[in-house]
């Protein structure tokens, strides 16, 4: 299953993606509940979502076509996403595997655009979530920067305010030559973790998302701490959360590709990680308690821009895409600083 955030004013709800099927309705999102309620009862809400996707509406044979209230009081209403939206809304073109591989068609969804009831997409994580990034976690990336593999996970933090969604333009901050790309696999925690072992931590993963850890290198290098360079406006585009059962174990290998204007600039595999996901989550849990909805960004493979000769950065007019097997594709246009919020 694939979950997205839905922003309505200051409120963010979580919805499940309902793919098109046969002659059924266009792809849509079925609203579930407030993002905090969702992570407070993951088991309950994922069960309801599976029921929704498996059950046809009365008088039809189309799975996922339930009407409002079909699962009980306060349960989903469907929000269509696509070319039939309100006047003045231009659907954002996506590829078939942007959100739901093998179930979508180009132009069928409109990430970050208005839906008929005025809702826009948002990262499906709580406002208070901890977003933890890995500074170095691929053997090939360590080799390209001339560094020995770290002995312990090198972690930094992002704020949720830096997150964005597929299709959101990301501005280059003033004084930067551009932004650097870092295609990554994000992990969403599904259980409370306090001082747990690696196996327990690995079993607590709720799902995965495509992430681009866009980095302002001058700001990042201005201090021994990376916080500023890793929190530029909208610099953390994140895709829908895909449940762990659909993705499998990343240690077995998921191909991760980053493209800039269609050119492949990163072509890695999650089997090249230095530290396993279970190891990192266990390591973190010794110091701070992780909660459902917290996010771990697991590091980037070789091919980043700043190590190239000459260095290469994303500048206004560029489009960067990150694609991960079984997880999806994330597309981000780069714009100038005048587009900052």
Protein backbone atom coordinates (compact mmCIF):
# COMPACT_ATOMS: atom_id res chain seq x y z
CA UNK A 1 0.00 0.00 0.00
CA UNK A 2 1.02 3.58 -0.64
CA UNK A 3 0.20 6.41 1.73
CA UNK A 4 0.29 10.14 1.03
CA UNK A 5 -0.25 13.24 3.11
CA UNK A 6 -3.14 15.60 2.34
CA UNK A 7 -2.90 19.20 3.54
CA UNK A 8 -6.08 21.13 4.24
CA UNK A 9 -5.11 24.46 5.80
CA UNK A 10 -2.98 23.65 8.82
CA UNK A 11 -4.26 20.09 9.05
CA UNK A 12 -2.49 17.12 7.44
CA UNK A 13 -4.39 13.87 6.94
CA UNK A 14 -3.08 10.57 5.63
CA UNK A 15 -4.72 8.92 2.65
CA UNK A 16 -4.18 5.65 0.83
CA UNK A 17 -3.60 5.69 -2.92
CA UNK A 18 -6.41 3.96 -4.79
CA UNK A 19 -5.10 3.00 -8.25
CA UNK A 20 -7.25 2.90 -11.33
CA UNK A 21 -8.43 -0.56 -12.30
CA UNK A 22 -10.00 -1.72 -15.53
CA UNK A 23 -12.89 0.59 -16.34
CA UNK A 24 -13.10 1.82 -12.78
CA UNK A 25 -12.56 5.34 -11.50
CA UNK A 26 -9.41 7.34 -12.13
CA UNK A 27 -6.60 7.02 -9.58
CA UNK A 28 -7.53 8.77 -6.37
CA UNK A 29 -6.68 9.08 -2.71
CA UNK A 30 -9.00 7.81 0.02
CA UNK A 31 -8.68 9.98 3.10
CA UNK A 32 -8.13 8.00 6.31
CA UNK A 33 -7.46 10.22 9.32
CA UNK A 34 -5.29 12.93 10.84
CA UNK A 35 -1.56 12.17 10.51
CA UNK A 36 -1.06 11.97 14.28
CA UNK A 37 -4.01 9.63 14.70
CA UNK A 38 -2.71 7.48 11.84
CA UNK A 39 0.67 6.88 13.48
CA UNK A 40 -0.93 6.40 16.90
CA UNK A 41 -2.81 3.37 15.53
CA UNK A 42 -0.87 2.12 12.53
CA UNK A 43 -2.20 -1.41 12.80
CA UNK A 44 -5.81 -0.27 12.85
CA UNK A 45 -5.55 2.23 10.02
CA UNK A 46 -3.53 -0.04 7.74
CA UNK A 47 -6.15 -2.76 8.27
CA UNK A 48 -8.88 -0.32 7.27
CA UNK A 49 -6.89 0.72 4.23
CA UNK A 50 -6.43 -2.90 3.13
CA UNK A 51 -10.16 -3.45 3.53
CA UNK A 52 -10.87 -0.42 1.41
CA UNK A 53 -8.53 -1.52 -1.38
CA UNK A 54 -9.87 -5.08 -1.40
CA UNK A 55 -13.59 -4.36 -1.19
CA UNK A 56 -15.79 -3.28 -4.13
CA UNK A 57 -18.44 -0.62 -3.87
CA UNK A 58 -22.01 -1.86 -3.80
CA UNK A 59 -23.17 -2.79 -7.27
CA UNK A 60 -19.63 -2.85 -8.72
CA UNK A 61 -16.71 -5.22 -8.97
CA UNK A 62 -14.08 -2.49 -8.68
CA UNK A 63 -11.78 -2.86 -5.64
CA UNK A 64 -11.12 0.35 -3.77
CA UNK A 65 -14.35 1.98 -4.90
CA UNK A 66 -15.94 2.26 -1.48
CA UNK A 67 -18.17 5.22 -0.88
CA UNK A 68 -17.96 7.67 2.05
CA UNK A 69 -18.48 6.03 5.43
CA UNK A 70 -18.32 2.51 4.04
CA UNK A 71 -15.85 1.51 6.74
CA UNK A 72 -17.74 3.16 9.55
CA UNK A 73 -18.00 6.64 11.08
CA UNK A 74 -15.18 9.02 10.13
CA UNK A 75 -13.78 6.75 7.44
CA UNK A 76 -12.56 7.68 4.00
CA UNK A 77 -13.94 9.98 1.42
CA UNK A 78 -12.30 9.85 -1.98
CA UNK A 79 -10.36 12.79 -3.38
CA UNK A 80 -9.77 12.55 -7.10
CA UNK A 81 -6.34 13.52 -8.39
CA UNK A 82 -5.85 14.19 -12.05
CA UNK A 83 -6.89 16.08 -15.17
CA UNK A 84 -10.51 16.41 -14.06
CA UNK A 85 -9.60 18.75 -11.19
CA UNK A 86 -10.97 22.27 -10.78
CA UNK A 87 -10.64 24.93 -13.45
CA UNK A 88 -7.25 26.61 -13.51
CA UNK A 89 -5.36 23.62 -12.12
CA UNK A 90 -2.81 22.15 -14.51
CA UNK A 91 -2.14 18.48 -13.77
CA UNK A 92 1.51 17.76 -13.12
CA UNK A 93 2.79 15.14 -15.55
CA UNK A 94 4.15 12.03 -13.86
CA UNK A 95 5.43 8.75 -15.14
CA UNK A 96 3.60 5.46 -14.60
CA UNK A 97 5.65 4.49 -11.58
CA UNK A 98 5.74 7.82 -9.75
CA UNK A 99 3.37 6.68 -7.04
CA UNK A 100 2.11 3.22 -7.91
CA UNK A 101 4.21 1.26 -10.38
CA UNK A 102 2.22 -0.61 -13.04
CA UNK A 103 -1.04 1.05 -12.01
CA UNK A 104 -0.79 4.66 -13.15
CA UNK A 105 -0.71 6.37 -16.51
CA UNK A 106 1.01 9.66 -17.37
CA UNK A 107 -0.99 12.74 -16.39
CA UNK A 108 -3.33 10.66 -14.22
CA UNK A 109 -2.19 12.20 -10.96
CA UNK A 110 -1.43 15.76 -9.98
CA UNK A 111 1.07 15.77 -7.10
CA UNK A 112 1.12 19.02 -5.11
CA UNK A 113 -1.84 20.46 -7.03
CA UNK A 114 -5.30 21.26 -5.79
CA UNK A 115 -7.81 18.43 -5.59
CA UNK A 116 -11.54 19.16 -6.03
CA UNK A 117 -12.01 19.98 -2.35
CA UNK A 118 -8.99 22.27 -2.15
CA UNK A 119 -6.59 19.73 -0.68
CA UNK A 120 -2.93 19.55 -1.70
CA UNK A 121 -0.44 16.75 -1.12
CA UNK A 122 2.00 16.88 1.79
CA UNK A 123 4.68 14.60 3.26
CA UNK A 124 2.87 11.85 5.22
CA UNK A 125 4.78 12.40 8.47
CA UNK A 126 3.79 14.10 11.75
CA UNK A 127 4.90 17.69 12.30
CA UNK A 128 6.86 16.56 15.34
CA UNK A 129 8.67 13.71 13.60
CA UNK A 130 12.46 13.44 13.87
CA UNK A 131 14.06 13.34 10.42
CA UNK A 132 17.49 11.73 10.82
CA UNK A 133 19.95 11.63 7.93
CA UNK A 134 23.01 9.46 7.36
CA UNK A 135 26.10 11.39 6.36
CA UNK A 136 27.94 8.45 4.82
CA UNK A 137 26.44 4.99 4.32
CA UNK A 138 27.51 3.59 0.93
CA UNK A 139 30.89 2.00 0.31
CA UNK A 140 31.10 3.46 -3.20
CA UNK A 141 30.31 6.96 -1.96
CA UNK A 142 32.97 6.69 0.74
CA UNK A 143 35.46 5.64 -1.93
CA UNK A 144 34.60 8.53 -4.25
CA UNK A 145 35.24 11.12 -1.53
CA UNK A 146 38.40 9.36 -0.36
CA UNK A 147 37.06 8.46 3.07
CA UNK A 148 37.35 5.26 5.06
CA UNK A 149 33.99 3.73 6.00
CA UNK A 150 32.85 5.21 9.32
CA UNK A 151 32.95 3.04 12.42
CA UNK A 152 29.62 4.38 13.72
CA UNK A 153 26.64 5.85 11.86
CA UNK A 154 27.29 9.57 11.21
CA UNK A 155 23.91 11.22 11.74
CA UNK A 156 22.48 14.70 11.21
CA UNK A 157 19.01 16.18 11.60
CA UNK A 158 16.41 17.75 9.36
CA UNK A 159 13.29 19.61 10.37
CA UNK A 160 9.94 18.61 8.96
CA UNK A 161 9.58 22.19 7.67
CA UNK A 162 12.25 21.36 5.05
CA UNK A 163 10.19 18.51 3.57
CA UNK A 164 8.24 18.76 0.32
CA UNK A 165 6.52 16.42 -2.13
CA UNK A 166 6.84 15.23 -5.70
CA UNK A 167 6.69 18.08 -8.20
CA UNK A 168 7.38 20.89 -5.72
CA UNK A 169 9.85 23.47 -7.10
CA UNK A 170 12.90 23.79 -4.84
CA UNK A 171 14.71 27.17 -4.79
CA UNK A 172 18.49 27.60 -4.79
CA UNK A 173 19.43 29.73 -1.74
CA UNK A 174 21.25 33.01 -2.41
CA UNK A 175 25.01 32.60 -2.35
CA UNK A 176 24.92 28.95 -3.41
CA UNK A 177 26.30 27.83 -6.77
CA UNK A 178 23.36 25.45 -6.88
CA UNK A 179 22.01 22.49 -4.96
CA UNK A 180 23.60 19.05 -4.91
CA UNK A 181 21.52 15.93 -5.45
CA UNK A 182 21.50 12.96 -3.07
CA UNK A 183 19.05 10.25 -4.06
CA UNK A 184 18.17 8.22 -0.98
CA UNK A 185 15.89 5.60 0.50
CA UNK A 186 13.87 6.92 3.44
CA UNK A 187 12.65 4.62 6.21
CA UNK A 188 9.51 5.38 8.23
CA UNK A 189 9.46 3.97 11.75
CA UNK A 190 6.35 2.02 12.71
CA UNK A 191 6.83 1.32 16.44
CA UNK A 192 8.25 2.93 19.56
CA UNK A 193 11.93 2.00 19.88
CA UNK A 194 13.89 2.46 23.09
CA UNK A 195 17.28 0.73 23.42
CA UNK A 196 16.37 -2.15 21.10
CA UNK A 197 18.51 -4.69 19.28
CA UNK A 198 19.00 -4.69 15.52
CA UNK A 199 16.43 -7.39 14.76
CA UNK A 200 13.75 -5.64 16.78
CA UNK A 201 14.55 -2.35 15.05
CA UNK A 202 14.41 -3.91 11.58
CA UNK A 203 11.00 -5.43 12.30
CA UNK A 204 9.71 -2.02 13.36
CA UNK A 205 9.99 -0.48 9.88
CA UNK A 206 6.56 0.61 8.66
CA UNK A 207 7.53 1.57 5.12
CA UNK A 208 9.88 3.21 2.69
CA UNK A 209 9.85 6.32 0.51
CA UNK A 210 11.98 7.86 -2.20
CA UNK A 211 13.87 10.89 -0.86
CA UNK A 212 16.20 13.51 -2.34
CA UNK A 213 18.46 15.02 0.31
CA UNK A 214 19.10 18.21 -1.67
CA UNK A 215 22.11 19.91 -0.11
CA UNK A 216 23.34 23.52 -0.02
CA UNK A 217 27.05 22.72 0.01
CA UNK A 218 28.43 26.18 0.86
CA UNK A 219 26.16 26.40 3.90
CA UNK A 220 26.96 22.79 4.77
CA UNK A 221 30.70 23.45 4.62
CA UNK A 222 30.56 26.69 6.58
CA UNK A 223 30.49 24.76 9.86
CA UNK A 224 31.47 21.40 11.27
CA UNK A 225 27.73 20.90 11.83
CA UNK A 226 25.66 20.21 8.70
CA UNK A 227 22.31 21.50 9.94
CA UNK A 228 22.10 24.66 7.83
CA UNK A 229 23.13 23.04 4.55
CA UNK A 230 20.65 20.20 5.04
CA UNK A 231 17.60 22.35 5.79
CA UNK A 232 17.24 24.76 2.88
CA UNK A 233 13.66 25.67 1.99
CA UNK A 234 11.74 22.68 0.54
CA UNK A 235 15.02 20.80 0.09
CA UNK A 236 13.71 17.45 1.32
CA UNK A 237 11.33 16.12 -1.36
CA UNK A 238 9.77 12.86 -0.23
CA UNK A 239 7.53 10.42 -2.08
CA UNK A 240 4.60 8.35 -0.80
CA UNK A 241 5.27 5.82 1.95
CA UNK A 242 5.19 2.26 0.58
CA UNK A 243 4.61 -0.44 3.18
CA UNK A 244 7.58 -2.65 4.00
CA UNK A 245 5.82 -5.84 2.88
CA UNK A 246 5.66 -4.50 -0.69
CA UNK A 247 9.31 -3.43 -0.79
CA UNK A 248 11.12 -6.30 0.91
CA UNK A 249 14.54 -6.12 2.55
CA UNK A 250 16.70 -3.29 1.10
CA UNK A 251 19.80 -5.27 2.07
CA UNK A 252 18.88 -7.71 -0.70
CA UNK A 253 19.32 -4.87 -3.18
CA UNK A 254 17.11 -2.11 -4.58
CA UNK A 255 18.46 -0.20 -7.55
CA UNK A 256 18.60 3.55 -6.90
CA UNK A 257 18.97 5.90 -9.87
CA UNK A 258 19.22 9.70 -9.91
CA UNK A 259 18.76 11.60 -13.16
CA UNK A 260 19.41 15.27 -13.95
CA UNK A 261 17.59 16.45 -17.04
CA UNK A 262 17.28 12.81 -18.09
CA UNK A 263 20.99 11.98 -17.62
CA UNK A 264 21.86 9.28 -15.09
CA UNK A 265 24.16 10.78 -12.45
CA UNK A 266 23.77 8.13 -9.73
CA UNK A 267 23.25 4.41 -10.27
CA UNK A 268 23.61 2.56 -7.00
CA UNK A 269 22.14 -0.29 -5.03
CA UNK A 270 20.97 -0.42 -1.43
CA UNK A 271 22.94 -3.63 -0.91
CA UNK A 272 26.05 -1.36 -0.86
CA UNK A 273 25.05 0.24 2.45
CA UNK A 274 27.74 0.27 5.12
CA UNK A 275 25.27 0.05 8.01
CA UNK A 276 22.03 -1.89 7.83
CA UNK A 277 18.75 -0.15 8.61
CA UNK A 278 18.32 -2.28 11.73
CA UNK A 279 21.80 -1.34 12.91
CA UNK A 280 21.21 2.40 12.47
CA UNK A 281 17.81 2.39 14.19
CA UNK A 282 19.19 0.32 17.05
CA UNK A 283 22.14 2.69 17.41
CA UNK A 284 19.84 5.71 17.55
CA UNK A 285 17.48 4.04 20.03
CA UNK A 286 20.25 3.76 22.61
CA UNK A 287 20.21 7.55 22.98
CA UNK A 288 16.79 8.76 21.93
CA UNK A 289 13.46 7.01 21.71
CA UNK A 290 12.12 6.71 18.17
CA UNK A 291 8.39 6.99 17.64
CA UNK A 292 6.04 5.90 14.84
CA UNK A 293 6.33 8.40 12.01
CA UNK A 294 9.99 9.26 12.61
CA UNK A 295 12.07 9.08 9.43
CA UNK A 296 15.57 7.78 8.74
CA UNK A 297 17.21 8.90 5.49
CA UNK A 298 19.69 6.13 4.80
CA UNK A 299 22.44 7.87 2.80
CA UNK A 300 23.30 8.34 -0.85
CA UNK A 301 25.29 6.20 -3.29
CA UNK A 302 28.22 7.42 -5.37
CA UNK A 303 27.76 10.11 -8.01
CA UNK A 304 27.03 13.35 -6.12
CA UNK A 305 27.85 16.60 -7.84
CA UNK A 306 30.39 18.30 -5.60
CA UNK A 307 33.07 15.61 -6.04
CA UNK A 308 33.06 15.90 -9.83
CA UNK A 309 35.71 17.74 -11.85
CA UNK A 310 34.56 20.43 -12.23
CA UNK A 311 31.88 20.30 -9.52
CA UNK A 312 28.33 20.13 -10.84
CA UNK A 313 25.22 21.51 -9.19
CA UNK A 314 21.52 21.79 -9.84
CA UNK A 315 20.63 25.26 -11.11
CA UNK A 316 17.30 26.92 -11.95
CA UNK A 317 15.69 25.16 -14.91
CA UNK A 318 17.11 21.74 -14.04
CA UNK A 319 14.87 18.79 -13.19
CA UNK A 320 16.16 16.03 -10.90
CA UNK A 321 14.50 12.63 -10.55
CA UNK A 322 15.18 9.83 -8.09
CA UNK A 323 13.89 6.33 -8.78
CA UNK A 324 14.10 3.28 -6.50
CA UNK A 325 12.97 -0.24 -7.37
CA UNK A 326 9.54 -1.11 -5.92
CA UNK A 327 9.33 2.26 -4.15
CA UNK A 328 8.70 4.77 -6.94
CA UNK A 329 10.01 7.88 -8.62
CA UNK A 330 10.35 11.45 -7.36
CA UNK A 331 10.62 14.47 -9.67
CA UNK A 332 11.80 17.90 -8.53
CA UNK A 333 12.21 21.07 -10.63
CA UNK A 334 14.85 23.56 -9.47
CA UNK A 335 14.04 27.28 -9.41
CA UNK A 336 15.78 30.50 -8.35
CA UNK A 337 15.72 32.14 -4.93
CA UNK A 338 12.76 34.38 -5.79
CA UNK A 339 10.52 31.32 -5.24
CA UNK A 340 11.48 30.99 -1.56
CA UNK A 341 8.45 31.03 0.79
